[in-house]
Amino acid sequence: MAKLEKNTPNGMSSESVIGSEMEIVGDIKCNGIMRVVGKLEGTINCSELIVEENAKIIGEISADSVSIDGDVTGTIKTEAIEISSNASFSGEVYYARIAIDSGANLEAKLNHDPSGDKARKSVKPAASETDPKSAKTGNPPSDGTR
């Protein structure tokens, strides 16, 4: 896989793992490294995201660096992204630096953003995802029950 130089702070970063037996639906914020081996649907904000082979993500991603070796669908906002030959990505990417290996399955709109103005803006969940009241339709059930 093509490697991009990463700007890492001095000191150790913790790593959080979504294992191969896990399926998560929701929003995740991680100050360190997030490694996904299982399935995730939602919003991810982290410093570094590593998507392993056989992992699947559907959603919005905001990270300083992203490395994809699995299947990702959605929007990515990052400083640096690496897409391996085993990877599949469908969606939109805002990036400052990119490396794509030959053989990667890529159906994407690529937005080069050298200034980083758009690349690392935090992704916020929609109001309906965070406020259960906004998910209600306000219409009572048709069978007359409440």
Protein backbone atom coordinates (compact mmCIF):
# COMPACT_ATOMS: atom_id res chain seq x y z
CA MET A 1 0.00 0.00 0.00
CA ALA A 2 1.23 3.51 -0.77
CA LYS A 3 2.21 5.26 2.43
CA LEU A 4 1.76 8.91 3.27
CA GLU A 5 3.86 10.64 5.88
CA LYS A 6 1.72 11.28 8.94
CA ASN A 7 2.00 14.15 11.36
CA THR A 8 1.81 12.41 14.73
CA PRO A 9 2.16 14.17 18.05
CA ASN A 10 4.99 13.25 20.39
CA GLY A 11 3.77 10.61 22.80
CA MET A 12 1.58 7.56 22.65
CA SER A 13 -1.94 7.51 21.24
CA SER A 14 -4.49 5.05 22.50
CA GLU A 15 -6.18 2.73 20.01
CA SER A 16 -9.85 1.79 20.06
CA VAL A 17 -10.96 -1.29 18.12
CA ILE A 18 -14.32 -2.29 16.68
CA GLY A 19 -13.76 -6.04 16.44
CA SER A 20 -14.78 -8.43 13.69
CA GLU A 21 -17.74 -9.72 15.72
CA MET A 22 -19.11 -6.20 16.35
CA GLU A 23 -21.75 -4.22 14.45
CA ILE A 24 -22.28 -0.66 15.66
CA VAL A 25 -24.91 1.86 14.61
CA GLY A 26 -24.31 5.34 16.02
CA ASP A 27 -21.91 8.22 16.36
CA ILE A 28 -18.35 7.73 17.60
CA LYS A 29 -15.84 10.30 18.80
CA CYS A 30 -12.34 9.05 19.54
CA ASN A 31 -9.37 11.26 20.45
CA GLY A 32 -6.88 8.61 19.40
CA ILE A 33 -6.64 5.88 16.79
CA MET A 34 -9.80 4.04 15.71
CA ARG A 35 -9.32 0.61 14.10
CA VAL A 36 -12.38 -0.95 12.47
CA VAL A 37 -12.40 -4.67 11.80
CA GLY A 38 -16.20 -5.14 12.07
CA LYS A 39 -19.15 -3.13 10.77
CA LEU A 40 -20.07 0.45 11.58
CA GLU A 41 -22.88 2.72 10.41
CA GLY A 42 -22.88 6.34 11.56
CA THR A 43 -20.57 9.28 12.14
CA ILE A 44 -16.91 8.88 13.11
CA ASN A 45 -14.66 11.66 14.44
CA CYS A 46 -11.13 10.55 15.36
CA SER A 47 -7.48 11.46 14.90
CA GLU A 48 -6.62 8.39 12.82
CA LEU A 49 -8.96 5.84 11.23
CA ILE A 50 -7.76 2.42 10.08
CA VAL A 51 -10.30 0.33 8.15
CA GLU A 52 -9.08 -3.26 8.00
CA GLU A 53 -9.77 -5.78 5.24
CA ASN A 54 -13.33 -7.24 5.56
CA ALA A 55 -14.46 -4.21 7.63
CA LYS A 56 -17.45 -2.21 6.42
CA ILE A 57 -18.32 1.43 7.19
CA ILE A 58 -21.33 3.41 6.01
CA GLY A 59 -21.41 7.04 7.11
CA GLU A 60 -19.58 10.30 7.63
CA ILE A 61 -15.89 10.27 8.60
CA SER A 62 -13.75 13.10 9.91
CA ALA A 63 -10.14 12.24 10.79
CA ASP A 64 -6.61 13.62 10.47
CA SER A 65 -5.65 10.50 8.51
CA VAL A 66 -7.64 7.61 7.02
CA SER A 67 -6.31 4.26 5.80
CA ILE A 68 -8.79 2.04 3.94
CA ASP A 69 -8.26 -1.65 3.30
CA GLY A 70 -11.97 -2.61 3.60
CA ASP A 71 -15.31 -1.29 2.31
CA VAL A 72 -16.36 2.33 2.97
CA THR A 73 -19.41 4.22 1.70
CA GLY A 74 -20.05 7.87 2.55
CA THR A 75 -18.20 11.14 2.99
CA ILE A 76 -14.63 11.45 4.27
CA LYS A 77 -13.00 14.69 5.42
CA THR A 78 -9.29 14.23 6.11
CA GLU A 79 -5.81 15.65 5.76
CA ALA A 80 -4.40 12.39 4.35
CA ILE A 81 -6.06 9.30 2.92
CA GLU A 82 -4.60 5.97 1.78
CA ILE A 83 -6.73 3.56 -0.26
CA SER A 84 -5.24 0.08 -0.71
CA SER A 85 -5.62 -2.29 -3.64
CA ASN A 86 -8.06 -4.39 -1.55
CA ALA A 87 -10.24 -1.40 -0.66
CA SER A 88 -13.62 -0.35 -1.96
CA PHE A 89 -14.77 3.26 -1.53
CA SER A 90 -17.93 4.90 -2.78
CA GLY A 91 -18.75 8.50 -1.91
CA GLU A 92 -17.03 11.84 -1.57
CA VAL A 93 -13.59 12.74 -0.17
CA TYR A 94 -12.19 16.10 0.95
CA TYR A 95 -8.41 15.72 1.35
CA ALA A 96 -5.06 17.50 1.31
CA ARG A 97 -2.99 14.38 0.40
CA ILE A 98 -4.11 11.13 -1.23
CA ALA A 99 -2.54 7.78 -2.17
CA ILE A 100 -4.51 5.20 -4.17
CA ASP A 101 -3.08 1.76 -4.92
CA SER A 102 -3.64 0.13 -8.28
CA GLY A 103 -6.64 -2.19 -8.11
CA ALA A 104 -8.63 -0.19 -5.57
CA ASN A 105 -12.36 -0.04 -6.31
CA LEU A 106 -13.14 3.68 -6.26
CA GLU A 107 -16.40 5.41 -7.19
CA ALA A 108 -15.91 8.83 -5.70
CA LYS A 109 -15.93 12.55 -6.05
CA LEU A 110 -12.45 13.71 -5.04
CA ASN A 111 -12.12 17.23 -3.64
CA HIS A 112 -8.51 18.37 -3.26
CA ASP A 113 -8.36 20.81 -0.37
CA PRO A 114 -4.70 21.79 0.22
CA SER A 115 -5.64 24.50 2.72
CA GLY A 116 -7.58 22.06 4.89
CA ASP A 117 -10.54 24.46 5.13
CA LYS A 118 -13.06 21.71 4.37
CA ALA A 119 -10.95 18.64 5.04
CA ARG A 120 -11.09 18.60 8.84
CA LYS A 121 -14.38 20.28 9.66
CA SER A 122 -16.07 18.03 12.22
CA VAL A 123 -18.98 16.05 10.89
CA LYS A 124 -22.08 16.60 13.01
CA PRO A 125 -24.98 14.15 13.16
CA ALA A 126 -28.33 15.32 11.81
CA ALA A 127 -30.83 16.64 14.37
CA SER A 128 -33.06 13.60 13.84
CA GLU A 129 -30.15 11.35 14.89
CA THR A 130 -29.51 13.17 18.16
CA ASP A 131 -32.97 14.43 19.14
CA PRO A 132 -35.56 11.67 19.53
CA LYS A 133 -38.37 14.26 19.54
CA SER A 134 -37.55 15.36 15.98
CA ALA A 135 -37.96 11.77 14.77
CA LYS A 136 -41.67 11.74 15.70
CA THR A 137 -44.13 12.38 12.91
CA GLY A 138 -46.83 13.82 15.15
CA ASN A 139 -49.49 11.61 13.53
CA PRO A 140 -51.28 9.16 15.83
CA PRO A 141 -51.43 5.52 14.73
CA SER A 142 -54.31 4.75 12.34
CA ASP A 143 -55.77 2.04 14.62
CA GLY A 144 -56.67 4.61 17.29
CA THR A 145 -54.05 3.44 19.85
CA ARG A 146 -51.38 5.69 21.32
